[in-house]
Amino acid sequence: DSEMPNFCAYNLPAVVLTAGKEKWECLSDAFSELVQDIQWKVRRTLSFSLHEIAMILGPELTKAHLLPALDAFLMDLDEVKVGVLQNLSKLLGVLDQTARGEYVGLLCSLEMESD
């Protein structure tokens, strides 16, 4: 079913919350697959909830596992990019000041596609 990855992306924050950060290792491969899914709607769904997953995982796991996804989403289609941009302050709030500072320059250089 072509909608299955989108359902998985939509429900992933609840699964992470239920399993807890202690079980992230069991979920990280599925997360990586969803981040790289060929369907932009799957990536978009995940981009809108990345901050929720970060708040569950905490600073260390977020830095190690979610920041690469954040970087990918920031370079993705606008439909995907908007999800992380709308909730970026919440996601960066999970990180320490040094990690947050690394994104200031990147944010200044972001470009949105225009029609």
Protein backbone atom coordinates (compact mmCIF):
# COMPACT_ATOMS: atom_id res chain seq x y z
CA ASP A 1 0.00 0.00 0.00
CA SER A 2 1.52 3.33 -1.07
CA GLU A 3 -0.03 5.15 1.91
CA MET A 4 1.61 2.91 4.51
CA PRO A 5 4.83 4.99 4.81
CA ASN A 6 2.74 8.13 5.34
CA PHE A 7 0.74 6.41 8.08
CA CYS A 8 4.02 5.32 9.68
CA ALA A 9 5.42 8.86 9.54
CA TYR A 10 2.22 10.28 11.03
CA ASN A 11 2.21 7.83 13.93
CA LEU A 12 5.94 7.73 14.63
CA PRO A 13 5.91 10.39 17.40
CA ALA A 14 3.29 8.40 19.31
CA VAL A 15 5.29 5.20 18.88
CA VAL A 16 8.45 6.94 20.13
CA LEU A 17 6.53 8.36 23.09
CA THR A 18 5.12 4.95 23.95
CA ALA A 19 8.43 3.12 23.53
CA GLY A 20 10.50 5.85 25.19
CA LYS A 21 13.94 7.07 24.26
CA GLU A 22 15.41 3.89 25.70
CA LYS A 23 14.00 1.99 22.70
CA TRP A 24 15.05 4.55 20.07
CA GLU A 25 17.66 2.12 18.74
CA CYS A 26 14.80 -0.18 17.70
CA LEU A 27 13.04 2.66 15.86
CA SER A 28 15.93 4.58 14.33
CA ASP A 29 16.16 2.45 11.17
CA ALA A 30 12.46 2.98 10.45
CA PHE A 31 12.94 6.71 11.08
CA SER A 32 15.85 6.83 8.62
CA GLU A 33 13.79 5.06 5.97
CA LEU A 34 10.97 7.57 6.38
CA VAL A 35 13.37 10.54 6.20
CA GLN A 36 14.65 9.23 2.86
CA ASP A 37 11.29 8.11 1.46
CA ILE A 38 10.80 8.91 -2.21
CA GLN A 39 7.31 10.31 -1.55
CA TRP A 40 7.54 13.96 -0.51
CA LYS A 41 4.27 13.63 1.45
CA VAL A 42 5.94 11.13 3.78
CA ARG A 43 8.89 13.46 4.37
CA ARG A 44 6.49 16.38 4.85
CA THR A 45 4.49 14.51 7.48
CA LEU A 46 7.66 13.66 9.37
CA SER A 47 9.03 17.19 9.05
CA PHE A 48 6.01 18.58 10.88
CA SER A 49 6.59 16.28 13.85
CA LEU A 50 10.38 16.23 14.08
CA HIS A 51 10.29 18.63 17.04
CA GLU A 52 7.94 16.29 18.92
CA ILE A 53 10.35 13.41 18.51
CA ALA A 54 13.22 15.67 19.63
CA MET A 55 11.40 16.57 22.83
CA ILE A 56 11.00 12.86 23.61
CA LEU A 57 14.57 11.86 22.73
CA GLY A 58 16.37 14.71 24.47
CA PRO A 59 19.51 16.61 23.43
CA GLU A 60 22.02 13.80 22.86
CA LEU A 61 19.86 11.56 20.71
CA THR A 62 18.42 14.56 18.87
CA LYS A 63 21.88 15.80 17.98
CA ALA A 64 23.04 12.37 16.86
CA HIS A 65 19.94 11.17 15.00
CA LEU A 66 17.56 14.04 14.23
CA LEU A 67 19.88 16.84 13.13
CA PRO A 68 20.85 14.98 9.94
CA ALA A 69 17.12 14.70 9.18
CA LEU A 70 16.66 18.39 9.95
CA ASP A 71 19.48 19.23 7.55
CA ALA A 72 17.92 17.07 4.84
CA PHE A 73 14.47 18.58 5.32
CA LEU A 74 15.86 22.13 5.17
CA MET A 75 17.26 21.33 1.73
CA ASP A 76 14.12 19.52 0.54
CA LEU A 77 11.09 20.79 -1.34
CA ASP A 78 9.28 23.76 0.19
CA GLU A 79 6.37 21.46 1.04
CA VAL A 80 8.75 19.51 3.29
CA LYS A 81 10.89 22.42 4.45
CA VAL A 82 7.92 24.33 5.86
CA GLY A 83 7.30 21.62 8.45
CA VAL A 84 10.63 22.00 10.17
CA LEU A 85 10.65 25.78 9.79
CA GLN A 86 7.28 26.15 11.55
CA ASN A 87 8.55 24.23 14.56
CA LEU A 88 12.26 25.00 14.43
CA SER A 89 12.36 26.97 17.67
CA LYS A 90 10.89 24.00 19.56
CA LEU A 91 13.37 21.58 18.02
CA LEU A 92 16.37 23.82 18.61
CA GLY A 93 15.15 24.43 22.15
CA VAL A 94 15.95 20.80 22.92
CA LEU A 95 19.62 21.33 22.01
CA ASP A 96 22.40 23.02 23.92
CA GLN A 97 23.44 26.55 22.99
CA THR A 98 26.42 25.42 20.90
CA ALA A 99 24.33 23.11 18.74
CA ARG A 100 21.66 25.81 18.32
CA GLY A 101 24.30 28.32 17.25
CA GLU A 102 25.34 26.13 14.35
CA TYR A 103 21.97 26.76 12.69
CA VAL A 104 22.00 30.57 12.75
CA GLY A 105 24.12 30.89 9.62
CA LEU A 106 22.21 28.17 7.85
CA LEU A 107 18.88 29.84 8.53
CA CYS A 108 20.12 33.10 7.09
CA SER A 109 21.05 31.36 3.87
CA LEU A 110 17.84 29.40 3.30
CA GLU A 111 15.96 30.08 0.14
CA MET A 112 12.41 29.22 -0.64
CA GLU A 113 11.33 28.20 -4.11
CA SER A 114 9.12 30.66 -5.91
CA ASP A 115 6.63 30.12 -8.70
